Amino acid sequence: MYYYLVVEVEVVVAVLVVVVVVVVVVVVVVVVVVVVVVVVVVMVVVVLSYYFKLWLWVSNAVLRLSEGHILVPNKLDS
């Protein structure tokens, strides 16, 4: 009976080790995925905001150009 008890304890310990390893791996994978998703979202927001600001700057420059604010020599004609 002692031998069977030792075998059962070894099996239980082995199962517990496997469960702990699986849980740790799953937690690490989840943390890595969350960090990657957060980094990608932040990068996308930064890039989109940069391009949006760039688009606003270009559109404002084109608007000023079309209104003649940038073309200073045209003011001499008027």
PDB file of N, CA and C in Angstrom:
ATOM      1  N   MET A   1       0.832  -1.196   0.000  1.00  0.00           N
ATOM      2  CA  MET A   1       0.000   0.000   0.000  1.00  0.00           C
ATOM      3  C   MET A   1       0.871   1.251   0.000  1.00  0.00           C
ATOM      4  N   TYR A   2       1.984   1.204   0.663  1.00  0.00           N
ATOM      5  CA  TYR A   2       2.873   2.355   0.692  1.00  0.00           C
ATOM      6  C   TYR A   2       3.421   2.654  -0.709  1.00  0.00           C
ATOM      7  N   TYR A   3       3.713   1.608  -1.473  1.00  0.00           N
ATOM      8  CA  TYR A   3       4.228   1.789  -2.825  1.00  0.00           C
ATOM      9  C   TYR A   3       3.184   2.475  -3.705  1.00  0.00           C
ATOM     10  N   TYR A   4       1.926   2.018  -3.586  1.00  0.00           N
ATOM     11  CA  TYR A   4       0.871   2.632  -4.385  1.00  0.00           C
ATOM     12  C   TYR A   4       0.661   4.096  -3.969  1.00  0.00           C
ATOM     13  N   LEU A   5       0.789   4.353  -2.684  1.00  0.00           N
ATOM     14  CA  LEU A   5       0.638   5.723  -2.208  1.00  0.00           C
ATOM     15  C   LEU A   5       1.744   6.612  -2.778  1.00  0.00           C
ATOM     16  N   VAL A   6       2.967   6.093  -2.812  1.00  0.00           N
ATOM     17  CA  VAL A   6       4.080   6.860  -3.374  1.00  0.00           C
ATOM     18  C   VAL A   6       3.848   7.105  -4.861  1.00  0.00           C
ATOM     19  N   VAL A   7       3.377   6.101  -5.571  1.00  0.00           N
ATOM     20  CA  VAL A   7       3.112   6.253  -7.003  1.00  0.00           C
ATOM     21  C   VAL A   7       2.006   7.288  -7.208  1.00  0.00           C
ATOM     22  N   GLU A   8       0.972   7.233  -6.392  1.00  0.00           N
ATOM     23  CA  GLU A   8      -0.110   8.205  -6.539  1.00  0.00           C
ATOM     24  C   GLU A   8       0.369   9.623  -6.223  1.00  0.00           C
ATOM     25  N   VAL A   9       1.218   9.758  -5.219  1.00  0.00           N
ATOM     26  CA  VAL A   9       1.747  11.072  -4.879  1.00  0.00           C
ATOM     27  C   VAL A   9       2.616  11.594  -6.024  1.00  0.00           C
ATOM     28  N   GLU A  10       3.423  10.722  -6.626  1.00  0.00           N
ATOM     29  CA  GLU A  10       4.251  11.153  -7.759  1.00  0.00           C
ATOM     30  C   GLU A  10       3.383  11.565  -8.951  1.00  0.00           C
ATOM     31  N   VAL A  11       2.318  10.816  -9.184  1.00  0.00           N
ATOM     32  CA  VAL A  11       1.412  11.165 -10.278  1.00  0.00           C
ATOM     33  C   VAL A  11       0.734  12.500  -9.994  1.00  0.00           C
ATOM     34  N   VAL A  12       0.293  12.689  -8.764  1.00  0.00           N
ATOM     35  CA  VAL A  12      -0.353  13.952  -8.397  1.00  0.00           C
ATOM     36  C   VAL A  12       0.636  15.106  -8.535  1.00  0.00           C
ATOM     37  N   VAL A  13       1.856  14.919  -8.086  1.00  0.00           N
ATOM     38  CA  VAL A  13       2.872  15.975  -8.210  1.00  0.00           C
ATOM     39  C   VAL A  13       3.157  16.260  -9.678  1.00  0.00           C
ATOM     40  N   ALA A  14       3.265  15.211 -10.483  1.00  0.00           N
ATOM     41  CA  ALA A  14       3.517  15.415 -11.910  1.00  0.00           C
ATOM     42  C   ALA A  14       2.365  16.170 -12.561  1.00  0.00           C
ATOM     43  N   VAL A  15       1.137  15.807 -12.220  1.00  0.00           N
ATOM     44  CA  VAL A  15      -0.032  16.504 -12.776  1.00  0.00           C
ATOM     45  C   VAL A  15      -0.046  17.960 -12.322  1.00  0.00           C
ATOM     46  N   LEU A  16       0.268  18.190 -11.051  1.00  0.00           N
ATOM     47  CA  LEU A  16       0.305  19.561 -10.556  1.00  0.00           C
ATOM     48  C   LEU A  16       1.389  20.383 -11.250  1.00  0.00           C
ATOM     49  N   VAL A  17       2.542  19.792 -11.483  1.00  0.00           N
ATOM     50  CA  VAL A  17       3.619  20.498 -12.180  1.00  0.00           C
ATOM     51  C   VAL A  17       3.183  20.850 -13.600  1.00  0.00           C
ATOM     52  N   VAL A  18       2.556  19.879 -14.279  1.00  0.00           N
ATOM     53  CA  VAL A  18       2.078  20.144 -15.638  1.00  0.00           C
ATOM     54  C   VAL A  18       1.032  21.255 -15.627  1.00  0.00           C
ATOM     55  N   VAL A  19       0.107  21.214 -14.687  1.00  0.00           N
ATOM     56  CA  VAL A  19      -0.931  22.248 -14.601  1.00  0.00           C
ATOM     57  C   VAL A  19      -0.310  23.611 -14.330  1.00  0.00           C
ATOM     58  N   VAL A  20       0.644  23.678 -13.407  1.00  0.00           N
ATOM     59  CA  VAL A  20       1.298  24.948 -13.089  1.00  0.00           C
ATOM     60  C   VAL A  20       2.051  25.476 -14.310  1.00  0.00           C
ATOM     61  N   VAL A  21       2.757  24.607 -15.017  1.00  0.00           N
ATOM     62  CA  VAL A  21       3.497  25.032 -16.205  1.00  0.00           C
ATOM     63  C   VAL A  21       2.533  25.542 -17.271  1.00  0.00           C
ATOM     64  N   VAL A  22       1.436  24.834 -17.482  1.00  0.00           N
ATOM     65  CA  VAL A  22       0.453  25.263 -18.485  1.00  0.00           C
ATOM     66  C   VAL A  22      -0.148  26.611 -18.094  1.00  0.00           C
ATOM     67  N   VAL A  23      -0.491  26.786 -16.830  1.00  0.00           N
ATOM     68  CA  VAL A  23      -1.065  28.054 -16.372  1.00  0.00           C
ATOM     69  C   VAL A  23      -0.067  29.190 -16.554  1.00  0.00           C
ATOM     70  N   VAL A  24       1.192  28.962 -16.210  1.00  0.00           N
ATOM     71  CA  VAL A  24       2.217  29.997 -16.365  1.00  0.00           C
ATOM     72  C   VAL A  24       2.400  30.353 -17.839  1.00  0.00           C
ATOM     73  N   VAL A  25       2.440  29.345 -18.697  1.00  0.00           N
ATOM     74  CA  VAL A  25       2.598  29.608 -20.136  1.00  0.00           C
ATOM     75  C   VAL A  25       1.402  30.394 -20.663  1.00  0.00           C
ATOM     76  N   VAL A  26       0.206  30.020 -20.263  1.00  0.00           N
ATOM     77  CA  VAL A  26      -0.992  30.734 -20.721  1.00  0.00           C
ATOM     78  C   VAL A  26      -0.975  32.176 -20.229  1.00  0.00           C
ATOM     79  N   VAL A  27      -0.600  32.394 -18.979  1.00  0.00           N
ATOM     80  CA  VAL A  27      -0.542  33.759 -18.437  1.00  0.00           C
ATOM     81  C   VAL A  27       0.501  34.584 -19.188  1.00  0.00           C
ATOM     82  N   VAL A  28       1.664  34.004 -19.448  1.00  0.00           N
ATOM     83  CA  VAL A  28       2.716  34.729 -20.174  1.00  0.00           C
ATOM     84  C   VAL A  28       2.250  35.067 -21.584  1.00  0.00           C
ATOM     85  N   VAL A  29       1.614  34.117 -22.262  1.00  0.00           N
ATOM     86  CA  VAL A  29       1.119  34.377 -23.619  1.00  0.00           C
ATOM     87  C   VAL A  29       0.062  35.472 -23.606  1.00  0.00           C
ATOM     88  N   VAL A  30      -0.841  35.427 -22.639  1.00  0.00           N
ATOM     89  CA  VAL A  30      -1.890  36.458 -22.554  1.00  0.00           C
ATOM     90  C   VAL A  30      -1.267  37.824 -22.292  1.00  0.00           C
ATOM     91  N   VAL A  31      -0.303  37.903 -21.404  1.00  0.00           N
ATOM     92  CA  VAL A  31       0.354  39.180 -21.100  1.00  0.00           C
ATOM     93  C   VAL A  31       1.080  39.708 -22.337  1.00  0.00           C
ATOM     94  N   VAL A  32       1.790  38.829 -23.041  1.00  0.00           N
ATOM     95  CA  VAL A  32       2.504  39.256 -24.245  1.00  0.00           C
ATOM     96  C   VAL A  32       1.518  39.747 -25.304  1.00  0.00           C
ATOM     97  N   VAL A  33       0.423  39.043 -25.492  1.00  0.00           N
ATOM     98  CA  VAL A  33      -0.579  39.460 -26.481  1.00  0.00           C
ATOM     99  C   VAL A  33      -1.182  40.803 -26.097  1.00  0.00           C
ATOM    100  N   VAL A  34      -1.496  40.997 -24.827  1.00  0.00           N
ATOM    101  CA  VAL A  34      -2.070  42.268 -24.377  1.00  0.00           C
ATOM    102  C   VAL A  34      -1.067  43.399 -24.592  1.00  0.00           C
ATOM    103  N   VAL A  35       0.191  43.175 -24.257  1.00  0.00           N
ATOM    104  CA  VAL A  35       1.211  44.217 -24.447  1.00  0.00           C
ATOM    105  C   VAL A  35       1.364  44.543 -25.925  1.00  0.00           C
ATOM    106  N   VAL A  36       1.401  43.528 -26.776  1.00  0.00           N
ATOM    107  CA  VAL A  36       1.540  43.769 -28.221  1.00  0.00           C
ATOM    108  C   VAL A  36       0.334  44.536 -28.750  1.00  0.00           C
ATOM    109  N   VAL A  37      -0.860  44.164 -28.321  1.00  0.00           N
ATOM    110  CA  VAL A  37      -2.063  44.861 -28.779  1.00  0.00           C
ATOM    111  C   VAL A  37      -2.040  46.317 -28.326  1.00  0.00           C
ATOM    112  N   VAL A  38      -1.655  46.571 -27.080  1.00  0.00           N
ATOM    113  CA  VAL A  38      -1.600  47.940 -26.577  1.00  0.00           C
ATOM    114  C   VAL A  38      -0.572  48.760 -27.358  1.00  0.00           C
ATOM    115  N   VAL A  39       0.603  48.169 -27.613  1.00  0.00           N
ATOM    116  CA  VAL A  39       1.647  48.880 -28.357  1.00  0.00           C
ATOM    117  C   VAL A  39       1.176  49.180 -29.774  1.00  0.00           C
ATOM    118  N   VAL A  40       0.542  48.216 -30.424  1.00  0.00           N
ATOM    119  CA  VAL A  40       0.057  48.432 -31.794  1.00  0.00           C
ATOM    120  C   VAL A  40      -1.022  49.508 -31.816  1.00  0.00           C
ATOM    121  N   VAL A  41      -1.934  49.478 -30.853  1.00  0.00           N
ATOM    122  CA  VAL A  41      -2.998  50.497 -30.814  1.00  0.00           C
ATOM    123  C   VAL A  41      -2.392  51.881 -30.589  1.00  0.00           C
ATOM    124  N   VAL A  42      -1.435  51.987 -29.686  1.00  0.00           N
ATOM    125  CA  VAL A  42      -0.801  53.289 -29.428  1.00  0.00           C
ATOM    126  C   VAL A  42      -0.065  53.775 -30.674  1.00  0.00           C
ATOM    127  N   MET A  43       0.655  52.857 -31.351  1.00  0.00           N
ATOM    128  CA  MET A  43       1.365  53.259 -32.561  1.00  0.00           C
ATOM    129  C   MET A  43       0.397  53.706 -33.650  1.00  0.00           C
ATOM    130  N   VAL A  44      -0.708  52.990 -33.806  1.00  0.00           N
ATOM    131  CA  VAL A  44      -1.695  53.357 -34.820  1.00  0.00           C
ATOM    132  C   VAL A  44      -2.297  54.722 -34.502  1.00  0.00           C
ATOM    133  N   VAL A  45      -2.613  54.961 -33.230  1.00  0.00           N
ATOM    134  CA  VAL A  45      -3.175  56.256 -32.836  1.00  0.00           C
ATOM    135  C   VAL A  45      -2.168  57.374 -33.090  1.00  0.00           C
ATOM    136  N   VAL A  46      -0.900  57.140 -32.753  1.00  0.00           N
ATOM    137  CA  VAL A  46       0.125  58.166 -32.963  1.00  0.00           C
ATOM    138  C   VAL A  46       0.303  58.441 -34.452  1.00  0.00           C
ATOM    139  N   VAL A  47       0.380  57.370 -35.251  1.00  0.00           N
ATOM    140  CA  VAL A  47       0.570  57.560 -36.701  1.00  0.00           C
ATOM    141  C   VAL A  47      -0.641  58.256 -37.304  1.00  0.00           C
ATOM    142  N   LEU A  48      -1.838  57.836 -36.919  1.00  0.00           N
ATOM    143  CA  LEU A  48      -3.038  58.471 -37.469  1.00  0.00           C
ATOM    144  C   LEU A  48      -3.128  59.929 -37.051  1.00  0.00           C
ATOM    145  N   SER A  49      -2.792  60.229 -35.800  1.00  0.00           N
ATOM    146  CA  SER A  49      -2.835  61.622 -35.368  1.00  0.00           C
ATOM    147  C   SER A  49      -1.782  62.446 -36.107  1.00  0.00           C
ATOM    148  N   TYR A  50      -0.598  61.839 -36.362  1.00  0.00           N
ATOM    149  CA  TYR A  50       0.436  62.552 -37.109  1.00  0.00           C
ATOM    150  C   TYR A  50      -0.043  62.842 -38.527  1.00  0.00           C
ATOM    151  N   TYR A  51      -0.624  61.820 -39.176  1.00  0.00           N
ATOM    152  CA  TYR A  51      -1.091  62.036 -40.547  1.00  0.00           C
ATOM    153  C   TYR A  51      -2.282  62.994 -40.577  1.00  0.00           C
ATOM    154  N   PHE A  52      -3.124  62.945 -39.540  1.00  0.00           N
ATOM    155  CA  PHE A  52      -4.249  63.874 -39.485  1.00  0.00           C
ATOM    156  C   PHE A  52      -3.755  65.310 -39.342  1.00  0.00           C
ATOM    157  N   LYS A  53      -2.744  65.508 -38.454  1.00  0.00           N
ATOM    158  CA  LYS A  53      -2.172  66.846 -38.307  1.00  0.00           C
ATOM    159  C   LYS A  53      -1.493  67.280 -39.601  1.00  0.00           C
ATOM    160  N   LEU A  54      -0.780  66.341 -40.241  1.00  0.00           N
ATOM    161  CA  LEU A  54      -0.129  66.655 -41.505  1.00  0.00           C
ATOM    162  C   LEU A  54      -1.169  67.009 -42.566  1.00  0.00           C
ATOM    163  N   TRP A  55      -2.271  66.258 -42.589  1.00  0.00           N
ATOM    164  CA  TRP A  55      -3.336  66.537 -43.554  1.00  0.00           C
ATOM    165  C   TRP A  55      -3.958  67.894 -43.276  1.00  0.00           C
ATOM    166  N   LEU A  56      -4.165  68.215 -41.985  1.00  0.00           N
ATOM    167  CA  LEU A  56      -4.705  69.538 -41.643  1.00  0.00           C
ATOM    168  C   LEU A  56      -3.747  70.647 -42.063  1.00  0.00           C
ATOM    169  N   TRP A  57      -2.447  70.417 -41.841  1.00  0.00           N
ATOM    170  CA  TRP A  57      -1.455  71.427 -42.208  1.00  0.00           C
ATOM    171  C   TRP A  57      -1.443  71.635 -43.716  1.00  0.00           C
ATOM    172  N   VAL A  58      -1.459  70.543 -44.479  1.00  0.00           N
ATOM    173  CA  VAL A  58      -1.445  70.641 -45.944  1.00  0.00           C
ATOM    174  C   VAL A  58      -2.722  71.316 -46.445  1.00  0.00           C
ATOM    175  N   SER A  59      -3.866  70.913 -45.884  1.00  0.00           N
ATOM    176  CA  SER A  59      -5.124  71.517 -46.346  1.00  0.00           C
ATOM    177  C   SER A  59      -5.172  72.999 -46.000  1.00  0.00           C
ATOM    178  N   ASN A  60      -4.658  73.376 -44.827  1.00  0.00           N
ATOM    179  CA  ASN A  60      -4.619  74.801 -44.474  1.00  0.00           C
ATOM    180  C   ASN A  60      -3.676  75.563 -45.401  1.00  0.00           C
ATOM    181  N   ALA A  61      -2.537  74.935 -45.737  1.00  0.00           N
ATOM    182  CA  ALA A  61      -1.597  75.588 -46.648  1.00  0.00           C
ATOM    183  C   ALA A  61      -2.213  75.752 -48.026  1.00  0.00           C
ATOM    184  N   VAL A  62      -2.913  74.725 -48.504  1.00  0.00           N
ATOM    185  CA  VAL A  62      -3.566  74.827 -49.815  1.00  0.00           C
ATOM    186  C   VAL A  62      -4.660  75.887 -49.779  1.00  0.00           C
ATOM    187  N   LEU A  63      -5.395  75.933 -48.677  1.00  0.00           N
ATOM    188  CA  LEU A  63      -6.446  76.942 -48.556  1.00  0.00           C
ATOM    189  C   LEU A  63      -5.855  78.342 -48.554  1.00  0.00           C
ATOM    190  N   ARG A  64      -4.781  78.538 -47.812  1.00  0.00           N
ATOM    191  CA  ARG A  64      -4.128  79.851 -47.803  1.00  0.00           C
ATOM    192  C   ARG A  64      -3.571  80.186 -49.176  1.00  0.00           C
ATOM    193  N   LEU A  65      -3.002  79.178 -49.848  1.00  0.00           N
ATOM    194  CA  LEU A  65      -2.448  79.400 -51.182  1.00  0.00           C
ATOM    195  C   LEU A  65      -3.555  79.801 -52.156  1.00  0.00           C
ATOM    196  N   SER A  66      -4.696  79.134 -52.042  1.00  0.00           N
ATOM    197  CA  SER A  66      -5.799  79.454 -52.953  1.00  0.00           C
ATOM    198  C   SER A  66      -6.398  80.819 -52.629  1.00  0.00           C
ATOM    199  N   GLU A  67      -6.317  81.249 -51.373  1.00  0.00           N
ATOM    200  CA  GLU A  67      -6.835  82.576 -51.012  1.00  0.00           C
ATOM    201  C   GLU A  67      -5.820  83.677 -51.286  1.00  0.00           C
ATOM    202  N   GLY A  68      -4.577  83.283 -51.562  1.00  0.00           N
ATOM    203  CA  GLY A  68      -3.553  84.265 -51.891  1.00  0.00           C
ATOM    204  C   GLY A  68      -2.815  84.814 -50.701  1.00  0.00           C
ATOM    205  N   HIS A  69      -2.945  84.173 -49.530  1.00  0.00           N
ATOM    206  CA  HIS A  69      -2.222  84.678 -48.356  1.00  0.00           C
ATOM    207  C   HIS A  69      -0.729  84.395 -48.462  1.00  0.00           C
ATOM    208  N   ILE A  70      -0.379  83.286 -49.110  1.00  0.00           N
ATOM    209  CA  ILE A  70       1.037  82.947 -49.210  1.00  0.00           C
ATOM    210  C   ILE A  70       1.675  83.722 -50.360  1.00  0.00           C
ATOM    211  N   LEU A  71       0.911  83.946 -51.411  1.00  0.00           N
ATOM    212  CA  LEU A  71       1.456  84.628 -52.581  1.00  0.00           C
ATOM    213  C   LEU A  71       1.495  86.136 -52.299  1.00  0.00           C
ATOM    214  N   VAL A  72       2.540  86.575 -51.623  1.00  0.00           N
ATOM    215  CA  VAL A  72       2.664  87.977 -51.226  1.00  0.00           C
ATOM    216  C   VAL A  72       2.772  88.901 -52.433  1.00  0.00           C
ATOM    217  N   PRO A  73       3.487  88.543 -53.522  1.00  0.00           N
ATOM    218  CA  PRO A  73       3.584  89.475 -54.653  1.00  0.00           C
ATOM    219  C   PRO A  73       2.234  89.826 -55.272  1.00  0.00           C
ATOM    220  N   ASN A  74       1.224  88.973 -55.131  1.00  0.00           N
ATOM    221  CA  ASN A  74      -0.088  89.299 -55.676  1.00  0.00           C
ATOM    222  C   ASN A  74      -0.723  90.475 -54.947  1.00  0.00           C
ATOM    223  N   LYS A  75      -0.342  90.712 -53.708  1.00  0.00           N
ATOM    224  CA  LYS A  75      -0.911  91.830 -52.958  1.00  0.00           C
ATOM    225  C   LYS A  75      -0.435  93.159 -53.537  1.00  0.00           C
ATOM    226  N   LEU A  76       0.695  93.139 -54.213  1.00  0.00           N
ATOM    227  CA  LEU A  76       1.185  94.373 -54.798  1.00  0.00           C
ATOM    228  C   LEU A  76       0.309  94.811 -55.968  1.00  0.00           C
ATOM    229  N   ASP A  77      -0.326  93.852 -56.623  1.00  0.00           N
ATOM    230  CA  ASP A  77      -1.168  94.196 -57.764  1.00  0.00           C
ATOM    231  C   ASP A  77      -2.457  94.870 -57.316  1.00  0.00           C
ATOM    232  N   SER A  78      -2.939  94.528 -56.134  1.00  0.00           N
ATOM    233  CA  SER A  78      -4.235  95.055 -55.715  1.00  0.00           C
ATOM    234  C   SER A  78      -4.117  96.404 -55.052  1.00  0.00           C
TER     235      SER A  78
END
